[in-house]
Amino acid sequence: MSLFEDKITIKDDKGNEQVVKALCETGRSAPNLDGDAGNMIKVVKVVFIDGHEVKVGVDGSFYHPDTRVLYSV
């Protein structure tokens, strides 16, 4: 799968939102029981915040490297 850059909205643990650049990948959701092949989804791999490149966890969260504030995608 190819990676692409996109702007996304992230939210900190207090609910404050911020728009940042992110490196994303196109993926496919799990098929359902009806035989559907699944839907195309955008998977965020890396977030660019305050001059840092931060990997996003499988749960869609990461800690800011300077402030240690928890963010979610």
N, C-alpha and C. Protein backbone atom coordinates (compact mmCIF):
# COMPACT_ATOMS: atom_id res chain seq x y z
N MET A 1 0.84 -1.18 0.00
CA MET A 1 0.00 0.00 0.00
C MET A 1 0.89 1.25 0.00
N SER A 2 0.43 2.27 -0.66
CA SER A 2 1.23 3.48 -0.75
C SER A 2 0.84 4.47 0.35
N LEU A 3 1.80 5.27 0.75
CA LEU A 3 1.59 6.28 1.78
C LEU A 3 1.30 7.62 1.13
N PHE A 4 0.51 8.44 1.80
CA PHE A 4 0.21 9.78 1.31
C PHE A 4 0.10 10.73 2.50
N GLU A 5 0.35 12.02 2.24
CA GLU A 5 0.27 13.03 3.28
C GLU A 5 -1.13 13.64 3.28
N ASP A 6 -1.66 13.89 4.47
CA ASP A 6 -3.00 14.45 4.60
C ASP A 6 -3.04 15.31 5.86
N LYS A 7 -4.00 16.21 5.94
CA LYS A 7 -4.22 16.98 7.17
C LYS A 7 -5.33 16.28 7.94
N ILE A 8 -5.08 16.06 9.23
CA ILE A 8 -6.06 15.40 10.08
C ILE A 8 -6.29 16.21 11.33
N THR A 9 -7.37 15.91 12.04
CA THR A 9 -7.66 16.55 13.31
C THR A 9 -7.32 15.58 14.43
N ILE A 10 -6.53 16.05 15.38
CA ILE A 10 -6.21 15.24 16.55
C ILE A 10 -6.83 15.90 17.77
N LYS A 11 -7.01 15.12 18.84
CA LYS A 11 -7.64 15.64 20.04
C LYS A 11 -6.80 15.21 21.25
N ASP A 12 -6.55 16.16 22.17
CA ASP A 12 -5.79 15.81 23.37
C ASP A 12 -6.73 15.25 24.43
N ASP A 13 -6.16 14.87 25.57
CA ASP A 13 -6.96 14.23 26.62
C ASP A 13 -7.95 15.17 27.31
N LYS A 14 -7.87 16.48 27.00
CA LYS A 14 -8.83 17.45 27.54
C LYS A 14 -9.91 17.82 26.51
N GLY A 15 -9.82 17.25 25.30
CA GLY A 15 -10.81 17.51 24.26
C GLY A 15 -10.44 18.63 23.31
N ASN A 16 -9.27 19.24 23.47
CA ASN A 16 -8.83 20.31 22.57
C ASN A 16 -8.41 19.71 21.24
N GLU A 17 -8.87 20.30 20.16
CA GLU A 17 -8.57 19.79 18.82
C GLU A 17 -7.50 20.62 18.14
N GLN A 18 -6.76 19.97 17.25
CA GLN A 18 -5.68 20.61 16.51
C GLN A 18 -5.57 19.92 15.15
N VAL A 19 -5.33 20.70 14.10
CA VAL A 19 -5.14 20.14 12.77
C VAL A 19 -3.64 20.03 12.50
N VAL A 20 -3.19 18.83 12.09
CA VAL A 20 -1.78 18.58 11.84
C VAL A 20 -1.63 17.79 10.54
N LYS A 21 -0.41 17.77 10.01
CA LYS A 21 -0.11 16.92 8.86
C LYS A 21 0.15 15.51 9.36
N ALA A 22 -0.21 14.53 8.53
CA ALA A 22 0.00 13.14 8.90
C ALA A 22 0.36 12.33 7.66
N LEU A 23 1.07 11.26 7.88
CA LEU A 23 1.40 10.30 6.84
C LEU A 23 0.41 9.15 7.00
N CYS A 24 -0.37 8.89 5.96
CA CYS A 24 -1.46 7.93 6.03
C CYS A 24 -1.29 6.82 5.00
N GLU A 25 -2.04 5.77 5.20
CA GLU A 25 -2.04 4.64 4.28
C GLU A 25 -3.49 4.24 4.05
N THR A 26 -3.80 3.81 2.86
CA THR A 26 -5.13 3.33 2.57
C THR A 26 -5.19 1.85 2.94
N GLY A 27 -6.22 1.48 3.68
CA GLY A 27 -6.39 0.09 4.08
C GLY A 27 -7.81 -0.35 3.83
N ARG A 28 -8.09 -1.57 4.19
CA ARG A 28 -9.44 -2.11 4.01
C ARG A 28 -9.92 -2.62 5.37
N SER A 29 -11.16 -2.28 5.72
CA SER A 29 -11.72 -2.76 6.97
C SER A 29 -12.00 -4.25 6.86
N ALA A 30 -12.19 -4.88 7.98
CA ALA A 30 -12.48 -6.32 7.99
C ALA A 30 -13.82 -6.58 7.33
N PRO A 31 -13.92 -7.65 6.55
CA PRO A 31 -15.21 -7.97 5.91
C PRO A 31 -16.25 -8.34 6.96
N ASN A 32 -17.51 -8.07 6.65
CA ASN A 32 -18.57 -8.44 7.58
C ASN A 32 -19.13 -9.82 7.22
N LEU A 33 -20.08 -10.27 7.97
CA LEU A 33 -20.61 -11.63 7.79
C LEU A 33 -21.47 -11.78 6.54
N ASP A 34 -21.86 -10.68 5.91
CA ASP A 34 -22.70 -10.73 4.71
C ASP A 34 -21.90 -10.99 3.45
N GLY A 35 -20.61 -11.24 3.59
CA GLY A 35 -19.78 -11.48 2.42
C GLY A 35 -19.23 -10.21 1.79
N ASP A 36 -19.46 -9.08 2.45
CA ASP A 36 -18.93 -7.81 1.97
C ASP A 36 -17.40 -7.86 2.01
N ALA A 37 -16.75 -7.28 1.04
CA ALA A 37 -15.29 -7.30 0.97
C ALA A 37 -14.66 -6.32 1.96
N GLY A 38 -15.44 -5.48 2.60
CA GLY A 38 -14.90 -4.47 3.52
C GLY A 38 -14.84 -3.12 2.85
N ASN A 39 -14.67 -2.09 3.65
CA ASN A 39 -14.62 -0.72 3.16
C ASN A 39 -13.19 -0.21 3.17
N MET A 40 -12.91 0.75 2.29
CA MET A 40 -11.60 1.39 2.29
C MET A 40 -11.55 2.39 3.44
N ILE A 41 -10.45 2.37 4.19
CA ILE A 41 -10.29 3.28 5.31
C ILE A 41 -8.92 3.96 5.23
N LYS A 42 -8.80 5.10 5.91
CA LYS A 42 -7.52 5.82 5.99
C LYS A 42 -6.89 5.46 7.32
N VAL A 43 -5.68 4.92 7.28
CA VAL A 43 -4.95 4.52 8.48
C VAL A 43 -3.82 5.53 8.69
N VAL A 44 -3.82 6.21 9.84
CA VAL A 44 -2.78 7.19 10.15
C VAL A 44 -1.58 6.45 10.73
N LYS A 45 -0.42 6.63 10.12
CA LYS A 45 0.81 5.96 10.54
C LYS A 45 1.73 6.88 11.34
N VAL A 46 1.88 8.13 10.87
CA VAL A 46 2.80 9.09 11.48
C VAL A 46 2.13 10.46 11.52
N VAL A 47 2.33 11.18 12.63
CA VAL A 47 1.82 12.54 12.78
C VAL A 47 3.01 13.48 12.89
N PHE A 48 2.92 14.62 12.21
CA PHE A 48 3.94 15.66 12.29
C PHE A 48 3.42 16.76 13.20
N ILE A 49 4.05 16.91 14.39
CA ILE A 49 3.56 17.88 15.36
C ILE A 49 4.75 18.62 15.98
N ASP A 50 4.71 19.94 15.92
CA ASP A 50 5.73 20.80 16.53
C ASP A 50 7.15 20.38 16.15
N GLY A 51 7.36 20.08 14.88
CA GLY A 51 8.69 19.72 14.39
C GLY A 51 9.10 18.28 14.67
N HIS A 52 8.21 17.47 15.19
CA HIS A 52 8.49 16.07 15.50
C HIS A 52 7.71 15.15 14.57
N GLU A 53 8.29 14.02 14.28
CA GLU A 53 7.63 12.95 13.53
C GLU A 53 7.32 11.84 14.53
N VAL A 54 6.02 11.60 14.79
CA VAL A 54 5.62 10.69 15.86
C VAL A 54 4.80 9.54 15.28
N LYS A 55 5.19 8.31 15.57
CA LYS A 55 4.42 7.14 15.14
C LYS A 55 3.15 7.04 15.96
N VAL A 56 2.06 6.69 15.28
CA VAL A 56 0.76 6.54 15.92
C VAL A 56 0.56 5.06 16.25
N GLY A 57 0.07 4.77 17.45
CA GLY A 57 -0.18 3.40 17.86
C GLY A 57 -1.36 2.78 17.12
N VAL A 58 -1.49 1.48 17.23
CA VAL A 58 -2.59 0.78 16.55
C VAL A 58 -3.95 1.22 17.06
N ASP A 59 -3.99 1.78 18.27
CA ASP A 59 -5.25 2.29 18.83
C ASP A 59 -5.53 3.73 18.42
N GLY A 60 -4.64 4.32 17.59
CA GLY A 60 -4.86 5.68 17.10
C GLY A 60 -4.43 6.75 18.07
N SER A 61 -3.57 6.42 19.04
CA SER A 61 -3.13 7.42 20.00
C SER A 61 -1.61 7.52 20.01
N PHE A 62 -1.13 8.65 20.55
CA PHE A 62 0.31 8.89 20.69
C PHE A 62 0.54 9.94 21.75
N TYR A 63 1.74 9.98 22.29
CA TYR A 63 2.12 11.00 23.27
C TYR A 63 2.99 12.05 22.58
N HIS A 64 2.71 13.32 22.88
CA HIS A 64 3.53 14.40 22.36
C HIS A 64 4.93 14.24 22.94
N PRO A 65 5.98 14.28 22.12
CA PRO A 65 7.33 14.01 22.61
C PRO A 65 7.87 15.04 23.61
N ASP A 66 7.37 16.27 23.58
CA ASP A 66 7.85 17.29 24.51
C ASP A 66 6.99 17.39 25.77
N THR A 67 5.68 17.43 25.58
CA THR A 67 4.76 17.68 26.70
C THR A 67 4.23 16.41 27.35
N ARG A 68 4.38 15.26 26.67
CA ARG A 68 3.87 13.96 27.12
C ARG A 68 2.35 13.95 27.25
N VAL A 69 1.66 14.87 26.56
CA VAL A 69 0.21 14.91 26.53
C VAL A 69 -0.26 13.81 25.57
N LEU A 70 -1.30 13.08 25.96
CA LEU A 70 -1.86 12.01 25.14
C LEU A 70 -2.80 12.60 24.09
N TYR A 71 -2.59 12.24 22.84
CA TYR A 71 -3.46 12.66 21.73
C TYR A 71 -4.07 11.43 21.08
N SER A 72 -5.23 11.62 20.46
CA SER A 72 -5.85 10.56 19.68
C SER A 72 -6.26 11.11 18.33
N VAL A 73 -6.26 10.23 17.34
CA VAL A 73 -6.59 10.59 15.96
C VAL A 73 -8.08 10.53 15.79
